[in-house]
Amino acid sequence: MNEINFNFENTSFPLAQQRTDFFSLWIKHIADLHHKQIGELNYIFCSDDYILEINKQYLNHHYNTDIITFNYNKSNTLNGDIFISLDTVRENAKLYSNNDFNEELDRVVIHGVLHLIGFNDKTEEEQLEMTTQEEVALNLRDVSRETLQKNINNNKNVSRET
């Protein structure tokens, strides 16, 4: 299927098309590095209230979190629903990312994919490996941005020629 969807629930925060295009390319790049294919990924950006209800209903947890990942993988194909609370990402940016919302959002977006790839963060050792994998992925953002920019430029050139 090879589809990444971006949805918004109970939040007014829009992502620009170029940002979602970048996320899609970057996520595919990280999946490729881990020898995985993209099936269907659904990102649901939401509020604290919304993710709290998801957390209560499906996980019986009565607290807020920045991300919940539901894994529906089939073999080496990544499939899942990834809920991200933009409220919590905003608060965590102040604590962990020098108040850089986009940096923290990138980290959380890729964190969900890393869970689908097979990385966990329950133990201290797993948390260390997850953080290492997040850093690797964050450092590869520029490669994805360059590829996206080349694609945009190529599309502009094709449009001019026709």
N, C-alpha and C. Protein backbone atom coordinates (compact mmCIF):
# COMPACT_ATOMS: atom_id res chain seq x y z
N MET A 1 0.82 -1.19 0.00
CA MET A 1 0.00 0.00 0.00
C MET A 1 0.87 1.27 0.00
N ASN A 2 1.88 1.32 0.88
CA ASN A 2 2.84 2.41 0.90
C ASN A 2 2.16 3.77 1.08
N GLU A 3 1.46 3.92 2.20
CA GLU A 3 0.68 5.13 2.41
C GLU A 3 0.90 5.66 3.83
N ILE A 4 1.18 6.95 3.93
CA ILE A 4 1.31 7.60 5.22
C ILE A 4 0.29 8.73 5.25
N ASN A 5 -0.61 8.66 6.23
CA ASN A 5 -1.69 9.64 6.35
C ASN A 5 -1.47 10.50 7.58
N PHE A 6 -1.85 11.77 7.47
CA PHE A 6 -1.74 12.71 8.58
C PHE A 6 -3.13 13.27 8.86
N ASN A 7 -3.60 13.03 10.08
CA ASN A 7 -4.95 13.43 10.48
C ASN A 7 -4.88 14.29 11.73
N PHE A 8 -5.94 15.04 11.96
CA PHE A 8 -5.98 15.95 13.10
C PHE A 8 -7.30 15.76 13.83
N GLU A 9 -7.21 15.56 15.14
CA GLU A 9 -8.38 15.37 15.99
C GLU A 9 -8.29 16.30 17.19
N ASN A 10 -9.32 17.12 17.36
CA ASN A 10 -9.42 17.95 18.55
C ASN A 10 -8.22 18.90 18.69
N THR A 11 -7.71 19.37 17.57
CA THR A 11 -6.61 20.34 17.57
C THR A 11 -6.73 21.21 16.34
N SER A 12 -6.23 22.41 16.44
CA SER A 12 -6.30 23.34 15.30
C SER A 12 -4.93 23.56 14.67
N PHE A 13 -3.99 22.70 14.97
CA PHE A 13 -2.63 22.85 14.47
C PHE A 13 -2.49 22.20 13.10
N PRO A 14 -2.36 22.98 12.05
CA PRO A 14 -2.19 22.38 10.73
C PRO A 14 -0.70 22.17 10.40
N LEU A 15 -0.40 21.14 9.67
CA LEU A 15 0.94 20.95 9.13
C LEU A 15 0.91 21.34 7.66
N ALA A 16 1.87 22.12 7.24
CA ALA A 16 1.94 22.51 5.84
C ALA A 16 2.20 21.27 4.98
N GLN A 17 1.71 21.29 3.76
CA GLN A 17 1.88 20.15 2.85
C GLN A 17 3.35 19.77 2.70
N GLN A 18 4.23 20.77 2.62
CA GLN A 18 5.65 20.46 2.45
C GLN A 18 6.18 19.73 3.68
N ARG A 19 5.67 20.06 4.85
CA ARG A 19 6.10 19.38 6.09
C ARG A 19 5.64 17.92 6.08
N THR A 20 4.40 17.66 5.67
CA THR A 20 3.94 16.27 5.62
C THR A 20 4.67 15.50 4.52
N ASP A 21 4.99 16.17 3.42
CA ASP A 21 5.78 15.52 2.37
C ASP A 21 7.15 15.12 2.91
N PHE A 22 7.75 16.05 3.67
CA PHE A 22 9.05 15.75 4.28
C PHE A 22 8.94 14.58 5.25
N PHE A 23 7.94 14.62 6.13
CA PHE A 23 7.77 13.51 7.09
C PHE A 23 7.65 12.19 6.34
N SER A 24 6.85 12.14 5.29
CA SER A 24 6.65 10.90 4.54
C SER A 24 7.96 10.38 3.97
N LEU A 25 8.72 11.26 3.36
CA LEU A 25 10.01 10.86 2.77
C LEU A 25 10.98 10.39 3.85
N TRP A 26 11.06 11.12 4.93
CA TRP A 26 11.96 10.80 6.03
C TRP A 26 11.58 9.47 6.67
N ILE A 27 10.32 9.26 6.93
CA ILE A 27 9.85 8.01 7.52
C ILE A 27 10.19 6.83 6.61
N LYS A 28 9.97 6.98 5.31
CA LYS A 28 10.30 5.91 4.36
C LYS A 28 11.80 5.62 4.37
N HIS A 29 12.60 6.68 4.47
CA HIS A 29 14.05 6.54 4.51
C HIS A 29 14.47 5.72 5.74
N ILE A 30 13.91 6.06 6.89
CA ILE A 30 14.26 5.33 8.12
C ILE A 30 13.79 3.88 8.04
N ALA A 31 12.60 3.66 7.52
CA ALA A 31 12.10 2.28 7.35
C ALA A 31 13.04 1.49 6.44
N ASP A 32 13.47 2.09 5.34
CA ASP A 32 14.39 1.42 4.41
C ASP A 32 15.69 1.02 5.11
N LEU A 33 16.21 1.91 5.94
CA LEU A 33 17.46 1.62 6.65
C LEU A 33 17.33 0.38 7.54
N HIS A 34 16.13 0.12 8.00
CA HIS A 34 15.88 -1.03 8.87
C HIS A 34 15.25 -2.20 8.11
N HIS A 35 15.34 -2.11 6.77
CA HIS A 35 14.85 -3.18 5.89
C HIS A 35 13.37 -3.46 6.10
N LYS A 36 12.61 -2.38 6.25
CA LYS A 36 11.17 -2.46 6.41
C LYS A 36 10.50 -1.69 5.27
N GLN A 37 9.28 -2.08 4.98
CA GLN A 37 8.47 -1.38 3.99
C GLN A 37 7.33 -0.67 4.71
N ILE A 38 6.82 0.36 4.07
CA ILE A 38 5.67 1.07 4.61
C ILE A 38 4.41 0.45 4.03
N GLY A 39 3.51 0.06 4.91
CA GLY A 39 2.18 -0.39 4.49
C GLY A 39 1.25 0.80 4.60
N GLU A 40 0.53 0.87 5.72
CA GLU A 40 -0.33 2.02 5.98
C GLU A 40 -0.04 2.53 7.39
N LEU A 41 0.42 3.77 7.44
CA LEU A 41 0.66 4.45 8.72
C LEU A 41 -0.32 5.61 8.81
N ASN A 42 -0.97 5.71 9.95
CA ASN A 42 -1.88 6.82 10.20
C ASN A 42 -1.38 7.61 11.40
N TYR A 43 -0.96 8.82 11.15
CA TYR A 43 -0.59 9.73 12.23
C TYR A 43 -1.83 10.53 12.59
N ILE A 44 -2.14 10.56 13.87
CA ILE A 44 -3.28 11.33 14.34
C ILE A 44 -2.73 12.34 15.34
N PHE A 45 -2.66 13.60 14.92
CA PHE A 45 -2.21 14.68 15.79
C PHE A 45 -3.42 15.17 16.56
N CYS A 46 -3.28 15.27 17.87
CA CYS A 46 -4.44 15.55 18.70
C CYS A 46 -4.07 16.37 19.93
N SER A 47 -5.05 16.59 20.78
CA SER A 47 -4.88 17.34 22.03
C SER A 47 -4.60 16.36 23.18
N ASP A 48 -4.23 16.93 24.33
CA ASP A 48 -4.05 16.11 25.53
C ASP A 48 -5.33 15.38 25.90
N ASP A 49 -6.47 16.08 25.81
CA ASP A 49 -7.75 15.46 26.16
C ASP A 49 -8.04 14.24 25.29
N TYR A 50 -7.76 14.37 24.01
CA TYR A 50 -8.04 13.28 23.08
C TYR A 50 -7.14 12.07 23.35
N ILE A 51 -5.84 12.31 23.52
CA ILE A 51 -4.93 11.19 23.74
C ILE A 51 -5.17 10.55 25.10
N LEU A 52 -5.61 11.34 26.08
CA LEU A 52 -5.95 10.78 27.39
C LEU A 52 -7.10 9.78 27.26
N GLU A 53 -8.09 10.12 26.46
CA GLU A 53 -9.21 9.20 26.25
C GLU A 53 -8.76 7.92 25.54
N ILE A 54 -7.87 8.05 24.57
CA ILE A 54 -7.31 6.87 23.87
C ILE A 54 -6.54 6.02 24.88
N ASN A 55 -5.74 6.68 25.71
CA ASN A 55 -4.93 5.99 26.71
C ASN A 55 -5.81 5.22 27.70
N LYS A 56 -6.90 5.85 28.14
CA LYS A 56 -7.82 5.19 29.07
C LYS A 56 -8.54 4.03 28.40
N GLN A 57 -9.09 4.30 27.22
CA GLN A 57 -9.95 3.32 26.55
C GLN A 57 -9.20 2.07 26.12
N TYR A 58 -8.01 2.24 25.55
CA TYR A 58 -7.32 1.10 24.95
C TYR A 58 -6.19 0.53 25.80
N LEU A 59 -5.61 1.34 26.68
CA LEU A 59 -4.47 0.87 27.46
C LEU A 59 -4.73 0.87 28.96
N ASN A 60 -5.90 1.37 29.36
CA ASN A 60 -6.26 1.46 30.77
C ASN A 60 -5.24 2.27 31.57
N HIS A 61 -4.68 3.30 30.93
CA HIS A 61 -3.75 4.23 31.58
C HIS A 61 -4.50 5.54 31.79
N HIS A 62 -4.40 6.11 32.96
CA HIS A 62 -5.15 7.32 33.28
C HIS A 62 -4.22 8.52 33.41
N TYR A 63 -3.41 8.73 32.36
CA TYR A 63 -2.49 9.86 32.35
C TYR A 63 -2.22 10.28 30.90
N ASN A 64 -1.73 11.51 30.77
CA ASN A 64 -1.37 12.01 29.44
C ASN A 64 -0.02 11.46 29.02
N THR A 65 0.18 11.45 27.73
CA THR A 65 1.45 11.03 27.15
C THR A 65 1.63 11.78 25.85
N ASP A 66 2.84 11.76 25.32
CA ASP A 66 3.07 12.46 24.05
C ASP A 66 2.70 11.60 22.85
N ILE A 67 2.80 10.27 23.01
CA ILE A 67 2.58 9.39 21.86
C ILE A 67 2.04 8.03 22.29
N ILE A 68 1.14 7.52 21.48
CA ILE A 68 0.66 6.15 21.62
C ILE A 68 0.75 5.52 20.23
N THR A 69 1.39 4.36 20.16
CA THR A 69 1.55 3.66 18.88
C THR A 69 0.82 2.33 18.94
N PHE A 70 -0.08 2.13 17.99
CA PHE A 70 -0.76 0.84 17.83
C PHE A 70 -0.14 0.13 16.64
N ASN A 71 0.40 -1.04 16.89
CA ASN A 71 1.16 -1.79 15.90
C ASN A 71 0.26 -2.83 15.22
N TYR A 72 0.15 -2.69 13.88
CA TYR A 72 -0.58 -3.66 13.07
C TYR A 72 0.33 -4.24 11.98
N ASN A 73 1.62 -4.35 12.29
CA ASN A 73 2.59 -4.81 11.30
C ASN A 73 2.24 -6.18 10.75
N LYS A 74 2.63 -6.36 9.50
CA LYS A 74 2.54 -7.66 8.85
C LYS A 74 3.92 -7.96 8.28
N SER A 75 4.60 -8.92 8.87
CA SER A 75 5.94 -9.31 8.44
C SER A 75 6.86 -8.09 8.47
N ASN A 76 7.48 -7.75 7.37
CA ASN A 76 8.40 -6.61 7.30
C ASN A 76 7.71 -5.33 6.85
N THR A 77 6.40 -5.31 6.87
CA THR A 77 5.64 -4.14 6.44
C THR A 77 5.07 -3.42 7.66
N LEU A 78 5.40 -2.13 7.77
CA LEU A 78 4.97 -1.33 8.90
C LEU A 78 3.54 -0.83 8.68
N ASN A 79 2.69 -1.15 9.63
CA ASN A 79 1.30 -0.69 9.63
C ASN A 79 0.97 -0.26 11.05
N GLY A 80 0.34 0.88 11.20
CA GLY A 80 -0.04 1.28 12.54
C GLY A 80 -0.74 2.61 12.60
N ASP A 81 -1.30 2.86 13.77
CA ASP A 81 -1.89 4.16 14.10
C ASP A 81 -1.01 4.78 15.17
N ILE A 82 -0.60 6.02 14.93
CA ILE A 82 0.30 6.72 15.84
C ILE A 82 -0.39 8.02 16.27
N PHE A 83 -0.76 8.08 17.53
CA PHE A 83 -1.42 9.25 18.10
C PHE A 83 -0.36 10.12 18.76
N ILE A 84 -0.37 11.40 18.43
CA ILE A 84 0.60 12.33 19.00
C ILE A 84 -0.14 13.53 19.58
N SER A 85 0.07 13.77 20.88
CA SER A 85 -0.52 14.94 21.52
C SER A 85 0.37 16.16 21.28
N LEU A 86 -0.14 17.10 20.50
CA LEU A 86 0.63 18.30 20.22
C LEU A 86 0.78 19.17 21.47
N ASP A 87 -0.17 19.09 22.39
CA ASP A 87 -0.05 19.83 23.65
C ASP A 87 1.16 19.34 24.44
N THR A 88 1.29 18.03 24.56
CA THR A 88 2.40 17.46 25.32
C THR A 88 3.72 17.67 24.58
N VAL A 89 3.71 17.58 23.27
CA VAL A 89 4.93 17.85 22.49
C VAL A 89 5.39 19.28 22.76
N ARG A 90 4.46 20.20 22.79
CA ARG A 90 4.78 21.61 23.05
C ARG A 90 5.42 21.77 24.44
N GLU A 91 4.84 21.12 25.43
CA GLU A 91 5.38 21.19 26.81
C GLU A 91 6.75 20.50 26.90
N ASN A 92 6.89 19.34 26.26
CA ASN A 92 8.16 18.62 26.28
C ASN A 92 9.26 19.38 25.55
N ALA A 93 8.89 20.15 24.54
CA ALA A 93 9.89 20.96 23.83
C ALA A 93 10.57 21.93 24.79
N LYS A 94 9.81 22.46 25.71
CA LYS A 94 10.38 23.38 26.70
C LYS A 94 11.38 22.67 27.61
N LEU A 95 11.10 21.41 27.92
CA LEU A 95 11.93 20.65 28.85
C LEU A 95 13.13 19.97 28.19
N TYR A 96 12.94 19.46 26.97
CA TYR A 96 13.95 18.58 26.37
C TYR A 96 14.59 19.10 25.08
N SER A 97 13.98 20.06 24.42
CA SER A 97 14.47 20.46 23.08
C SER A 97 14.72 21.96 22.98
N ASN A 98 15.17 22.56 24.06
CA ASN A 98 15.48 24.01 24.05
C ASN A 98 14.33 24.83 23.50
N ASN A 99 13.12 24.43 23.85
CA ASN A 99 11.91 25.14 23.43
C ASN A 99 11.69 25.11 21.91
N ASP A 100 12.28 24.13 21.24
CA ASP A 100 12.16 23.98 19.79
C ASP A 100 11.05 22.96 19.49
N PHE A 101 9.85 23.48 19.23
CA PHE A 101 8.70 22.61 18.99
C PHE A 101 8.94 21.67 17.82
N ASN A 102 9.48 22.17 16.71
CA ASN A 102 9.68 21.32 15.54
C ASN A 102 10.66 20.19 15.80
N GLU A 103 11.70 20.47 16.57
CA GLU A 103 12.67 19.44 16.93
C GLU A 103 11.99 18.33 17.74
N GLU A 104 11.20 18.73 18.72
CA GLU A 104 10.52 17.75 19.56
C GLU A 104 9.47 16.99 18.75
N LEU A 105 8.76 17.68 17.86
CA LEU A 105 7.78 17.00 17.02
C LEU A 105 8.45 15.97 16.13
N ASP A 106 9.58 16.33 15.53
CA ASP A 106 10.32 15.37 14.70
C ASP A 106 10.70 14.14 15.52
N ARG A 107 11.19 14.37 16.73
CA ARG A 107 11.61 13.26 17.58
C ARG A 107 10.43 12.32 17.87
N VAL A 108 9.29 12.88 18.17
CA VAL A 108 8.13 12.06 18.51
C VAL A 108 7.58 11.34 17.27
N VAL A 109 7.57 12.02 16.14
CA VAL A 109 7.11 11.39 14.89
C VAL A 109 7.95 10.15 14.60
N ILE A 110 9.27 10.28 14.71
CA ILE A 110 10.13 9.14 14.38
C ILE A 110 10.11 8.09 15.49
N HIS A 111 9.85 8.51 16.71
CA HIS A 111 9.74 7.59 17.85
C HIS A 111 8.66 6.53 17.58
N GLY A 112 7.53 6.98 17.05
CA GLY A 112 6.45 6.04 16.73
C GLY A 112 6.86 5.03 15.68
N VAL A 113 7.57 5.48 14.66
CA VAL A 113 8.05 4.56 13.62
C VAL A 113 9.05 3.57 14.20
N LEU A 114 9.92 4.06 15.07
CA LEU A 114 10.90 3.16 15.68
C LEU A 114 10.22 2.08 16.52
N HIS A 115 9.12 2.41 17.18
CA HIS A 115 8.36 1.37 17.88
C HIS A 115 7.87 0.33 16.89
N LEU A 116 7.34 0.76 15.75
CA LEU A 116 6.85 -0.18 14.74
C LEU A 116 7.98 -1.03 14.16
N ILE A 117 9.15 -0.45 14.06
CA ILE A 117 10.32 -1.18 13.55
C ILE A 117 10.73 -2.27 14.53
N GLY A 118 10.45 -2.04 15.82
CA GLY A 118 10.77 -3.07 16.81
C GLY A 118 11.52 -2.58 18.03
N PHE A 119 11.79 -1.30 18.11
CA PHE A 119 12.49 -0.76 19.27
C PHE A 119 11.48 -0.45 20.37
N ASN A 120 11.89 -0.72 21.61
CA ASN A 120 11.03 -0.49 22.76
C ASN A 120 11.72 0.49 23.72
N ASP A 121 10.99 0.89 24.74
CA ASP A 121 11.57 1.83 25.71
C ASP A 121 11.07 1.58 27.13
N LYS A 122 10.85 0.32 27.45
CA LYS A 122 10.36 -0.04 28.79
C LYS A 122 11.49 -0.08 29.82
N THR A 123 12.63 -0.63 29.44
CA THR A 123 13.76 -0.73 30.38
C THR A 123 14.75 0.39 30.10
N GLU A 124 15.67 0.57 31.03
CA GLU A 124 16.71 1.58 30.86
C GLU A 124 17.55 1.31 29.61
N GLU A 125 17.88 0.05 29.40
CA GLU A 125 18.68 -0.34 28.23
C GLU A 125 17.92 -0.06 26.93
N GLU A 126 16.64 -0.41 26.93
CA GLU A 126 15.82 -0.14 25.74
C GLU A 126 15.68 1.36 25.49
N GLN A 127 15.53 2.14 26.56
CA GLN A 127 15.42 3.59 26.42
C GLN A 127 16.68 4.17 25.80
N LEU A 128 17.84 3.67 26.23
CA LEU A 128 19.11 4.13 25.68
C LEU A 128 19.20 3.82 24.19
N GLU A 129 18.80 2.60 23.80
CA GLU A 129 18.83 2.22 22.38
C GLU A 129 17.83 3.04 21.58
N MET A 130 16.64 3.28 22.14
CA MET A 130 15.63 4.10 21.46
C MET A 130 16.17 5.51 21.23
N THR A 131 16.76 6.09 22.25
CA THR A 131 17.33 7.44 22.12
C THR A 131 18.42 7.47 21.06
N THR A 132 19.26 6.45 21.04
CA THR A 132 20.32 6.36 20.02
C THR A 132 19.71 6.31 18.62
N GLN A 133 18.67 5.49 18.45
CA GLN A 133 18.01 5.38 17.15
C GLN A 133 17.31 6.69 16.76
N GLU A 134 16.73 7.37 17.73
CA GLU A 134 16.13 8.68 17.45
C GLU A 134 17.19 9.65 16.94
N GLU A 135 18.34 9.67 17.60
CA GLU A 135 19.42 10.58 17.19
C GLU A 135 19.91 10.26 15.78
N VAL A 136 20.07 8.98 15.49
CA VAL A 136 20.47 8.58 14.13
C VAL A 136 19.45 9.10 13.12
N ALA A 137 18.18 8.87 13.40
CA ALA A 137 17.13 9.31 12.48
C ALA A 137 17.10 10.83 12.35
N LEU A 138 17.22 11.53 13.47
CA LEU A 138 17.22 13.00 13.42
C LEU A 138 18.39 13.52 12.60
N ASN A 139 19.53 12.86 12.70
CA ASN A 139 20.70 13.28 11.92
C ASN A 139 20.53 13.01 10.42
N LEU A 140 19.60 12.14 10.06
CA LEU A 140 19.36 11.84 8.64
C LEU A 140 18.28 12.72 8.02
N ARG A 141 17.73 13.64 8.79
CA ARG A 141 16.68 14.53 8.25
C ARG A 141 17.18 15.33 7.06
N ASP A 142 18.42 15.80 7.12
CA ASP A 142 18.92 16.64 6.03
C ASP A 142 18.97 15.88 4.72
N VAL A 143 19.31 14.60 4.77
CA VAL A 143 19.33 13.78 3.54
C VAL A 143 17.92 13.74 2.95
N SER A 144 16.92 13.55 3.80
CA SER A 144 15.53 13.52 3.32
C SER A 144 15.10 14.87 2.79
N ARG A 145 15.51 15.95 3.46
CA ARG A 145 15.17 17.31 2.99
C ARG A 145 15.78 17.58 1.62
N GLU A 146 17.05 17.19 1.46
CA GLU A 146 17.71 17.39 0.16
C GLU A 146 16.99 16.63 -0.94
N THR A 147 16.60 15.39 -0.67
CA THR A 147 15.87 14.59 -1.66
C THR A 147 14.54 15.24 -2.00
N LEU A 148 13.84 15.72 -0.97
CA LEU A 148 12.55 16.38 -1.20
C LEU A 148 12.75 17.63 -2.04
N GLN A 149 13.77 18.43 -1.72
CA GLN A 149 14.01 19.66 -2.47
C GLN A 149 14.35 19.35 -3.93
N LYS A 150 15.13 18.30 -4.17
CA LYS A 150 15.44 17.89 -5.54
C LYS A 150 14.16 17.50 -6.29
N ASN A 151 13.28 16.76 -5.61
CA ASN A 151 12.01 16.36 -6.23
C ASN A 151 11.16 17.58 -6.56
N ILE A 152 11.12 18.54 -5.66
CA ILE A 152 10.36 19.77 -5.90
C ILE A 152 10.94 20.52 -7.09
N ASN A 153 12.26 20.64 -7.11
CA ASN A 153 12.92 21.34 -8.22
C ASN A 153 12.70 20.62 -9.54
N ASN A 154 12.77 19.29 -9.53
CA ASN A 154 12.53 18.53 -10.75
C ASN A 154 11.11 18.72 -11.24
N ASN A 155 10.14 18.75 -10.32
CA ASN A 155 8.75 18.97 -10.70
C ASN A 155 8.54 20.36 -11.28
N LYS A 156 9.23 21.35 -10.73
CA LYS A 156 9.14 22.71 -11.28
C LYS A 156 9.69 22.74 -12.71
N ASN A 157 10.83 22.05 -12.91
CA ASN A 157 11.43 22.03 -14.24
C ASN A 157 10.52 21.32 -15.24
N VAL A 158 9.89 20.26 -14.84
CA VAL A 158 8.97 19.53 -15.71
C VAL A 158 7.78 20.42 -16.05
N SER A 159 7.28 21.14 -15.07
CA SER A 159 6.12 22.03 -15.30
C SER A 159 6.47 23.14 -16.29
N ARG A 160 7.67 23.65 -16.21
CA ARG A 160 8.11 24.73 -17.12
C ARG A 160 8.27 24.22 -18.54
N GLU A 161 8.68 22.94 -18.67
CA GLU A 161 8.92 22.39 -19.99
C GLU A 161 7.63 22.07 -20.72
N THR A 162 6.54 21.86 -20.00
CA THR A 162 5.29 21.46 -20.66
C THR A 162 4.42 22.64 -20.98
